[in-house]
PDB file of N, CA and C in Angstrom:
ATOM      1  N   MET A   1       9.838  24.795   3.617  1.00  0.00           N
ATOM      2  CA  MET A   1      10.054  24.512   5.014  1.00  0.00           C
ATOM      3  C   MET A   1      11.216  23.527   5.145  1.00  0.00           C
ATOM      4  N   GLN A   2      12.119  23.833   6.063  1.00  0.00           N
ATOM      5  CA  GLN A   2      13.250  22.949   6.297  1.00  0.00           C
ATOM      6  C   GLN A   2      12.818  21.732   7.102  1.00  0.00           C
ATOM      7  N   ARG A   3      13.501  20.615   6.859  1.00  0.00           N
ATOM      8  CA  ARG A   3      13.202  19.379   7.578  1.00  0.00           C
ATOM      9  C   ARG A   3      14.503  18.815   8.135  1.00  0.00           C
ATOM     10  N   ARG A   4      14.398  18.026   9.161  1.00  0.00           N
ATOM     11  CA  ARG A   4      15.558  17.359   9.741  1.00  0.00           C
ATOM     12  C   ARG A   4      15.209  15.902   9.981  1.00  0.00           C
ATOM     13  N   VAL A   5      16.222  15.076  10.144  1.00  0.00           N
ATOM     14  CA  VAL A   5      15.993  13.658  10.417  1.00  0.00           C
ATOM     15  C   VAL A   5      15.290  13.525  11.768  1.00  0.00           C
ATOM     16  N   ASP A   6      14.270  12.702  11.799  1.00  0.00           N
ATOM     17  CA  ASP A   6      13.583  12.391  13.048  1.00  0.00           C
ATOM     18  C   ASP A   6      14.293  11.169  13.640  1.00  0.00           C
ATOM     19  N   TRP A   7      15.289  11.436  14.469  1.00  0.00           N
ATOM     20  CA  TRP A   7      16.134  10.369  15.004  1.00  0.00           C
ATOM     21  C   TRP A   7      15.339   9.397  15.868  1.00  0.00           C
ATOM     22  N   PHE A   8      14.338   9.898  16.581  1.00  0.00           N
ATOM     23  CA  PHE A   8      13.516   8.995  17.393  1.00  0.00           C
ATOM     24  C   PHE A   8      12.850   7.950  16.506  1.00  0.00           C
ATOM     25  N   ARG A   9      12.215   8.399  15.430  1.00  0.00           N
ATOM     26  CA  ARG A   9      11.530   7.456  14.532  1.00  0.00           C
ATOM     27  C   ARG A   9      12.505   6.528  13.826  1.00  0.00           C
ATOM     28  N   LEU A  10      13.664   7.063  13.409  1.00  0.00           N
ATOM     29  CA  LEU A  10      14.657   6.236  12.737  1.00  0.00           C
ATOM     30  C   LEU A  10      15.121   5.114  13.673  1.00  0.00           C
ATOM     31  N   LEU A  11      15.448   5.460  14.910  1.00  0.00           N
ATOM     32  CA  LEU A  11      15.902   4.454  15.869  1.00  0.00           C
ATOM     33  C   LEU A  11      14.770   3.500  16.246  1.00  0.00           C
ATOM     34  N   ASP A  12      13.564   4.019  16.319  1.00  0.00           N
ATOM     35  CA  ASP A  12      12.412   3.169  16.622  1.00  0.00           C
ATOM     36  C   ASP A  12      12.160   2.172  15.486  1.00  0.00           C
ATOM     37  N   ASP A  13      12.319   2.617  14.246  1.00  0.00           N
ATOM     38  CA  ASP A  13      12.199   1.710  13.089  1.00  0.00           C
ATOM     39  C   ASP A  13      13.179   0.541  13.231  1.00  0.00           C
ATOM     40  N   LEU A  14      14.413   0.858  13.611  1.00  0.00           N
ATOM     41  CA  LEU A  14      15.431  -0.179  13.757  1.00  0.00           C
ATOM     42  C   LEU A  14      15.096  -1.118  14.922  1.00  0.00           C
ATOM     43  N   LYS A  15      14.597  -0.548  16.007  1.00  0.00           N
ATOM     44  CA  LYS A  15      14.215  -1.373  17.163  1.00  0.00           C
ATOM     45  C   LYS A  15      13.090  -2.337  16.786  1.00  0.00           C
ATOM     46  N   ARG A  16      12.103  -1.842  16.051  1.00  0.00           N
ATOM     47  CA  ARG A  16      10.973  -2.692  15.640  1.00  0.00           C
ATOM     48  C   ARG A  16      11.412  -3.800  14.680  1.00  0.00           C
ATOM     49  N   ARG A  17      12.558  -3.613  14.044  1.00  0.00           N
ATOM     50  CA  ARG A  17      13.088  -4.636  13.139  1.00  0.00           C
ATOM     51  C   ARG A  17      14.111  -5.543  13.836  1.00  0.00           C
ATOM     52  N   GLY A  18      14.149  -5.449  15.171  1.00  0.00           N
ATOM     53  CA  GLY A  18      14.961  -6.372  15.954  1.00  0.00           C
ATOM     54  C   GLY A  18      16.351  -5.898  16.335  1.00  0.00           C
ATOM     55  N   TYR A  19      16.665  -4.624  16.108  1.00  0.00           N
ATOM     56  CA  TYR A  19      17.989  -4.100  16.439  1.00  0.00           C
ATOM     57  C   TYR A  19      17.939  -3.375  17.781  1.00  0.00           C
ATOM     58  N   SER A  20      18.564  -3.977  18.781  1.00  0.00           N
ATOM     59  CA  SER A  20      18.621  -3.367  20.111  1.00  0.00           C
ATOM     60  C   SER A  20      19.602  -2.198  20.092  1.00  0.00           C
ATOM     61  N   THR A  21      19.553  -1.395  21.140  1.00  0.00           N
ATOM     62  CA  THR A  21      20.503  -0.292  21.268  1.00  0.00           C
ATOM     63  C   THR A  21      21.927  -0.846  21.312  1.00  0.00           C
ATOM     64  N   TYR A  22      22.096  -1.970  22.002  1.00  0.00           N
ATOM     65  CA  TYR A  22      23.418  -2.602  22.072  1.00  0.00           C
ATOM     66  C   TYR A  22      23.891  -3.025  20.673  1.00  0.00           C
ATOM     67  N   ALA A  23      23.008  -3.631  19.888  1.00  0.00           N
ATOM     68  CA  ALA A  23      23.372  -4.052  18.532  1.00  0.00           C
ATOM     69  C   ALA A  23      23.764  -2.853  17.673  1.00  0.00           C
ATOM     70  N   LEU A  24      23.040  -1.754  17.812  1.00  0.00           N
ATOM     71  CA  LEU A  24      23.378  -0.546  17.051  1.00  0.00           C
ATOM     72  C   LEU A  24      24.718   0.027  17.495  1.00  0.00           C
ATOM     73  N   GLU A  25      24.992  -0.053  18.790  1.00  0.00           N
ATOM     74  CA  GLU A  25      26.290   0.392  19.296  1.00  0.00           C
ATOM     75  C   GLU A  25      27.411  -0.424  18.651  1.00  0.00           C
ATOM     76  N   MET A  26      27.225  -1.739  18.572  1.00  0.00           N
ATOM     77  CA  MET A  26      28.243  -2.608  17.979  1.00  0.00           C
ATOM     78  C   MET A  26      28.404  -2.340  16.477  1.00  0.00           C
ATOM     79  N   LEU A  27      27.302  -2.060  15.782  1.00  0.00           N
ATOM     80  CA  LEU A  27      27.345  -1.813  14.328  1.00  0.00           C
ATOM     81  C   LEU A  27      27.951  -0.460  13.970  1.00  0.00           C
ATOM     82  N   THR A  28      27.662   0.549  14.786  1.00  0.00           N
ATOM     83  CA  THR A  28      28.033   1.913  14.416  1.00  0.00           C
ATOM     84  C   THR A  28      29.194   2.492  15.211  1.00  0.00           C
ATOM     85  N   GLY A  29      29.461   1.916  16.375  1.00  0.00           N
ATOM     86  CA  GLY A  29      30.484   2.491  17.249  1.00  0.00           C
ATOM     87  C   GLY A  29      29.978   3.666  18.060  1.00  0.00           C
ATOM     88  N   VAL A  30      28.689   3.966  17.958  1.00  0.00           N
ATOM     89  CA  VAL A  30      28.083   5.060  18.728  1.00  0.00           C
ATOM     90  C   VAL A  30      27.645   4.480  20.079  1.00  0.00           C
ATOM     91  N   PRO A  31      28.132   5.035  21.195  1.00  0.00           N
ATOM     92  CA  PRO A  31      27.777   4.494  22.506  1.00  0.00           C
ATOM     93  C   PRO A  31      26.262   4.471  22.756  1.00  0.00           C
ATOM     94  N   LYS A  32      25.846   3.476  23.530  1.00  0.00           N
ATOM     95  CA  LYS A  32      24.429   3.300  23.857  1.00  0.00           C
ATOM     96  C   LYS A  32      23.841   4.572  24.475  1.00  0.00           C
ATOM     97  N   SER A  33      24.574   5.187  25.391  1.00  0.00           N
ATOM     98  CA  SER A  33      24.075   6.399  26.049  1.00  0.00           C
ATOM     99  C   SER A  33      23.861   7.527  25.038  1.00  0.00           C
ATOM    100  N   THR A  34      24.719   7.587  24.037  1.00  0.00           N
ATOM    101  CA  THR A  34      24.586   8.609  22.990  1.00  0.00           C
ATOM    102  C   THR A  34      23.362   8.320  22.121  1.00  0.00           C
ATOM    103  N   LEU A  35      23.160   7.049  21.779  1.00  0.00           N
ATOM    104  CA  LEU A  35      21.979   6.665  20.993  1.00  0.00           C
ATOM    105  C   LEU A  35      20.703   7.027  21.738  1.00  0.00           C
ATOM    106  N   LEU A  36      20.688   6.785  23.042  1.00  0.00           N
ATOM    107  CA  LEU A  36      19.510   7.142  23.841  1.00  0.00           C
ATOM    108  C   LEU A  36      19.290   8.652  23.846  1.00  0.00           C
ATOM    109  N   GLY A  37      20.379   9.409  23.841  1.00  0.00           N
ATOM    110  CA  GLY A  37      20.271  10.870  23.757  1.00  0.00           C
ATOM    111  C   GLY A  37      19.633  11.311  22.451  1.00  0.00           C
ATOM    112  N   TYR A  38      19.954  10.623  21.351  1.00  0.00           N
ATOM    113  CA  TYR A  38      19.341  10.954  20.056  1.00  0.00           C
ATOM    114  C   TYR A  38      17.838  10.715  20.109  1.00  0.00           C
ATOM    115  N   LYS A  39      17.427   9.662  20.795  1.00  0.00           N
ATOM    116  CA  LYS A  39      15.984   9.375  20.911  1.00  0.00           C
ATOM    117  C   LYS A  39      15.273  10.452  21.716  1.00  0.00           C
ATOM    118  N   GLN A  40      16.032  11.164  22.557  1.00  0.00           N
ATOM    119  CA  GLN A  40      15.444  12.204  23.395  1.00  0.00           C
ATOM    120  C   GLN A  40      15.591  13.595  22.797  1.00  0.00           C
ATOM    121  N   GLY A  41      16.086  13.668  21.560  1.00  0.00           N
ATOM    122  CA  GLY A  41      16.129  14.959  20.880  1.00  0.00           C
ATOM    123  C   GLY A  41      17.498  15.521  20.585  1.00  0.00           C
ATOM    124  N   ALA A  42      18.570  14.873  21.069  1.00  0.00           N
ATOM    125  CA  ALA A  42      19.919  15.354  20.756  1.00  0.00           C
ATOM    126  C   ALA A  42      20.200  15.129  19.271  1.00  0.00           C
ATOM    127  N   GLU A  43      21.049  15.950  18.723  1.00  0.00           N
ATOM    128  CA  GLU A  43      21.412  15.876  17.305  1.00  0.00           C
ATOM    129  C   GLU A  43      22.782  15.214  17.186  1.00  0.00           C
ATOM    130  N   PRO A  44      22.910  14.154  16.380  1.00  0.00           N
ATOM    131  CA  PRO A  44      24.198  13.465  16.280  1.00  0.00           C
ATOM    132  C   PRO A  44      25.244  14.262  15.502  1.00  0.00           C
ATOM    133  N   LYS A  45      26.506  13.917  15.771  1.00  0.00           N
ATOM    134  CA  LYS A  45      27.587  14.436  14.935  1.00  0.00           C
ATOM    135  C   LYS A  45      27.361  13.880  13.533  1.00  0.00           C
ATOM    136  N   HIS A  46      27.896  14.570  12.539  1.00  0.00           N
ATOM    137  CA  HIS A  46      27.642  14.187  11.148  1.00  0.00           C
ATOM    138  C   HIS A  46      27.971  12.713  10.885  1.00  0.00           C
ATOM    139  N   LEU A  47      29.165  12.280  11.271  1.00  0.00           N
ATOM    140  CA  LEU A  47      29.592  10.910  10.987  1.00  0.00           C
ATOM    141  C   LEU A  47      28.690   9.886  11.691  1.00  0.00           C
ATOM    142  N   ASP A  48      28.324  10.167  12.940  1.00  0.00           N
ATOM    143  CA  ASP A  48      27.424   9.255  13.658  1.00  0.00           C
ATOM    144  C   ASP A  48      26.070   9.174  12.965  1.00  0.00           C
ATOM    145  N   GLY A  49      25.550  10.318  12.527  1.00  0.00           N
ATOM    146  CA  GLY A  49      24.278  10.337  11.814  1.00  0.00           C
ATOM    147  C   GLY A  49      24.347   9.562  10.508  1.00  0.00           C
ATOM    148  N   GLU A  50      25.448   9.727   9.781  1.00  0.00           N
ATOM    149  CA  GLU A  50      25.623   9.002   8.514  1.00  0.00           C
ATOM    150  C   GLU A  50      25.676   7.498   8.749  1.00  0.00           C
ATOM    151  N   ARG A  51      26.345   7.087   9.810  1.00  0.00           N
ATOM    152  CA  ARG A  51      26.412   5.658  10.133  1.00  0.00           C
ATOM    153  C   ARG A  51      25.014   5.104  10.416  1.00  0.00           C
ATOM    154  N   LEU A  52      24.246   5.836  11.216  1.00  0.00           N
ATOM    155  CA  LEU A  52      22.889   5.383  11.551  1.00  0.00           C
ATOM    156  C   LEU A  52      21.992   5.346  10.317  1.00  0.00           C
ATOM    157  N   ILE A  53      22.118   6.355   9.474  1.00  0.00           N
ATOM    158  CA  ILE A  53      21.329   6.386   8.243  1.00  0.00           C
ATOM    159  C   ILE A  53      21.701   5.200   7.354  1.00  0.00           C
ATOM    160  N   GLY A  54      22.999   4.896   7.271  1.00  0.00           N
ATOM    161  CA  GLY A  54      23.444   3.755   6.476  1.00  0.00           C
ATOM    162  C   GLY A  54      22.845   2.448   6.972  1.00  0.00           C
ATOM    163  N   VAL A  55      22.838   2.257   8.287  1.00  0.00           N
ATOM    164  CA  VAL A  55      22.243   1.046   8.866  1.00  0.00           C
ATOM    165  C   VAL A  55      20.753   1.025   8.574  1.00  0.00           C
ATOM    166  N   TRP A  56      20.078   2.155   8.753  1.00  0.00           N
ATOM    167  CA  TRP A  56      18.636   2.236   8.526  1.00  0.00           C
ATOM    168  C   TRP A  56      18.313   1.863   7.070  1.00  0.00           C
ATOM    169  N   CYS A  57      19.064   2.409   6.120  1.00  0.00           N
ATOM    170  CA  CYS A  57      18.824   2.109   4.706  1.00  0.00           C
ATOM    171  C   CYS A  57      19.047   0.624   4.421  1.00  0.00           C
ATOM    172  N   GLN A  58      20.097   0.066   4.979  1.00  0.00           N
ATOM    173  CA  GLN A  58      20.404  -1.344   4.755  1.00  0.00           C
ATOM    174  C   GLN A  58      19.328  -2.248   5.360  1.00  0.00           C
ATOM    175  N   VAL A  59      18.898  -1.935   6.573  1.00  0.00           N
ATOM    176  CA  VAL A  59      17.919  -2.772   7.277  1.00  0.00           C
ATOM    177  C   VAL A  59      16.533  -2.671   6.644  1.00  0.00           C
ATOM    178  N   THR A  60      16.130  -1.457   6.281  1.00  0.00           N
ATOM    179  CA  THR A  60      14.774  -1.266   5.747  1.00  0.00           C
ATOM    180  C   THR A  60      14.692  -1.538   4.250  1.00  0.00           C
ATOM    181  N   GLY A  61      15.820  -1.464   3.557  1.00  0.00           N
ATOM    182  CA  GLY A  61      15.806  -1.615   2.102  1.00  0.00           C
ATOM    183  C   GLY A  61      15.308  -0.369   1.392  1.00  0.00           C
ATOM    184  N   LEU A  62      15.207   0.732   2.135  1.00  0.00           N
ATOM    185  CA  LEU A  62      14.727   1.994   1.568  1.00  0.00           C
ATOM    186  C   LEU A  62      15.898   2.921   1.266  1.00  0.00           C
ATOM    187  N   GLN A  63      15.655   3.902   0.407  1.00  0.00           N
ATOM    188  CA  GLN A  63      16.660   4.888   0.038  1.00  0.00           C
ATOM    189  C   GLN A  63      16.680   6.032   1.042  1.00  0.00           C
ATOM    190  N   ARG A  64      17.748   6.825   0.987  1.00  0.00           N
ATOM    191  CA  ARG A  64      17.904   7.977   1.886  1.00  0.00           C
ATOM    192  C   ARG A  64      16.712   8.929   1.861  1.00  0.00           C
ATOM    193  N   ASP A  65      16.098   9.095   0.691  1.00  0.00           N
ATOM    194  CA  ASP A  65      14.997  10.059   0.612  1.00  0.00           C
ATOM    195  C   ASP A  65      13.742   9.588   1.348  1.00  0.00           C
ATOM    196  N   SER A  66      13.780   8.369   1.886  1.00  0.00           N
ATOM    197  CA  SER A  66      12.647   7.848   2.670  1.00  0.00           C
ATOM    198  C   SER A  66      12.878   7.937   4.170  1.00  0.00           C
ATOM    199  N   ILE A  67      14.011   8.497   4.574  1.00  0.00           N
ATOM    200  CA  ILE A  67      14.326   8.623   6.004  1.00  0.00           C
ATOM    201  C   ILE A  67      13.219   9.414   6.688  1.00  0.00           C
ATOM    202  N   PRO A  68      12.803   8.983   7.891  1.00  0.00           N
ATOM    203  CA  PRO A  68      11.788   9.750   8.608  1.00  0.00           C
ATOM    204  C   PRO A  68      12.311  11.146   8.958  1.00  0.00           C
ATOM    205  N   THR A  69      11.518  12.139   8.654  1.00  0.00           N
ATOM    206  CA  THR A  69      11.914  13.520   8.938  1.00  0.00           C
ATOM    207  C   THR A  69      10.807  14.246   9.677  1.00  0.00           C
ATOM    208  N   GLU A  70      11.159  15.412  10.194  1.00  0.00           N
ATOM    209  CA  GLU A  70      10.195  16.283  10.863  1.00  0.00           C
ATOM    210  C   GLU A  70      10.551  17.724  10.513  1.00  0.00           C
ATOM    211  N   PRO A  71       9.571  18.626  10.566  1.00  0.00           N
ATOM    212  CA  PRO A  71       9.880  20.022  10.259  1.00  0.00           C
ATOM    213  C   PRO A  71      10.799  20.626  11.310  1.00  0.00           C
ATOM    214  N   VAL A  72      11.668  21.523  10.880  1.00  0.00           N
ATOM    215  CA  VAL A  72      12.557  22.233  11.794  1.00  0.00           C
ATOM    216  C   VAL A  72      11.748  23.325  12.481  1.00  0.00           C
ATOM    217  N   GLN A  73      11.825  23.334  13.788  1.00  0.00           N
ATOM    218  CA  GLN A  73      11.141  24.371  14.561  1.00  0.00           C
ATOM    219  C   GLN A  73      12.105  25.539  14.749  1.00  0.00           C
ATOM    220  N   LEU A  74      11.800  26.664  14.147  1.00  0.00           N
ATOM    221  CA  LEU A  74      12.650  27.844  14.283  1.00  0.00           C
ATOM    222  C   LEU A  74      12.374  28.535  15.614  1.00  0.00           C
ATOM    223  N   SER A  75      13.431  29.028  16.238  1.00  0.00           N
ATOM    224  CA  SER A  75      13.249  29.828  17.445  1.00  0.00           C
ATOM    225  C   SER A  75      12.657  31.170  17.025  1.00  0.00           C
ATOM    226  N   ALA A  76      12.121  31.904  17.951  1.00  0.00           N
ATOM    227  CA  ALA A  76      11.538  33.215  17.643  1.00  0.00           C
ATOM    228  C   ALA A  76      12.591  34.132  17.030  1.00  0.00           C
ATOM    229  N   ALA A  77      13.824  34.084  17.532  1.00  0.00           N
ATOM    230  CA  ALA A  77      14.890  34.945  17.017  1.00  0.00           C
ATOM    231  C   ALA A  77      15.231  34.577  15.569  1.00  0.00           C
ATOM    232  N   LYS A  78      15.304  33.295  15.274  1.00  0.00           N
ATOM    233  CA  LYS A  78      15.621  32.875  13.914  1.00  0.00           C
ATOM    234  C   LYS A  78      14.483  33.217  12.963  1.00  0.00           C
ATOM    235  N   ALA A  79      13.266  33.058  13.392  1.00  0.00           N
ATOM    236  CA  ALA A  79      12.108  33.383  12.559  1.00  0.00           C
ATOM    237  C   ALA A  79      12.091  34.874  12.252  1.00  0.00           C
ATOM    238  N   LYS A  80      12.379  35.691  13.259  1.00  0.00           N
ATOM    239  CA  LYS A  80      12.405  37.153  13.074  1.00  0.00           C
ATOM    240  C   LYS A  80      13.519  37.538  12.105  1.00  0.00           C
ATOM    241  N   ALA A  81      14.699  36.919  12.231  1.00  0.00           N
ATOM    242  CA  ALA A  81      15.824  37.213  11.342  1.00  0.00           C
ATOM    243  C   ALA A  81      15.498  36.821   9.914  1.00  0.00           C
ATOM    244  N   LYS A  82      14.780  35.725   9.717  1.00  0.00           N
ATOM    245  CA  LYS A  82      14.419  35.302   8.364  1.00  0.00           C
ATOM    246  C   LYS A  82      13.470  36.307   7.709  1.00  0.00           C
ATOM    247  N   ARG A  83      12.566  36.885   8.497  1.00  0.00           N
ATOM    248  CA  ARG A  83      11.617  37.859   7.933  1.00  0.00           C
ATOM    249  C   ARG A  83      12.308  39.121   7.497  1.00  0.00           C
ATOM    250  N   LYS A  84      13.411  39.484   8.156  1.00  0.00           N
ATOM    251  CA  LYS A  84      14.129  40.711   7.828  1.00  0.00           C
ATOM    252  C   LYS A  84      14.894  40.591   6.527  1.00  0.00           C
ATOM    253  N   LYS A  85      15.207  39.382   6.088  1.00  0.00           N
ATOM    254  CA  LYS A  85      16.004  39.187   4.858  1.00  0.00           C
ATOM    255  C   LYS A  85      15.237  39.507   3.629  1.00  0.00           C
TER     256      LYS A  85
END
């Protein structure tokens, strides 16, 4: 099963460790409105995601393989296409 970064949990982890959305904006260069979009389910651009992951690893002291993840929900069309392969 494929997994993706759970951006809501990652950002929530940082918030619980004292990093406001404004502080993350200053650290990463990702606008506050964009960070809020990630918490609501938007997927970051690769570089923005890497920056956030880097901050998360530094703040938590954990490695990349500990990043919060969630299973990828396949659409009906993608699930059907996978069965045909």
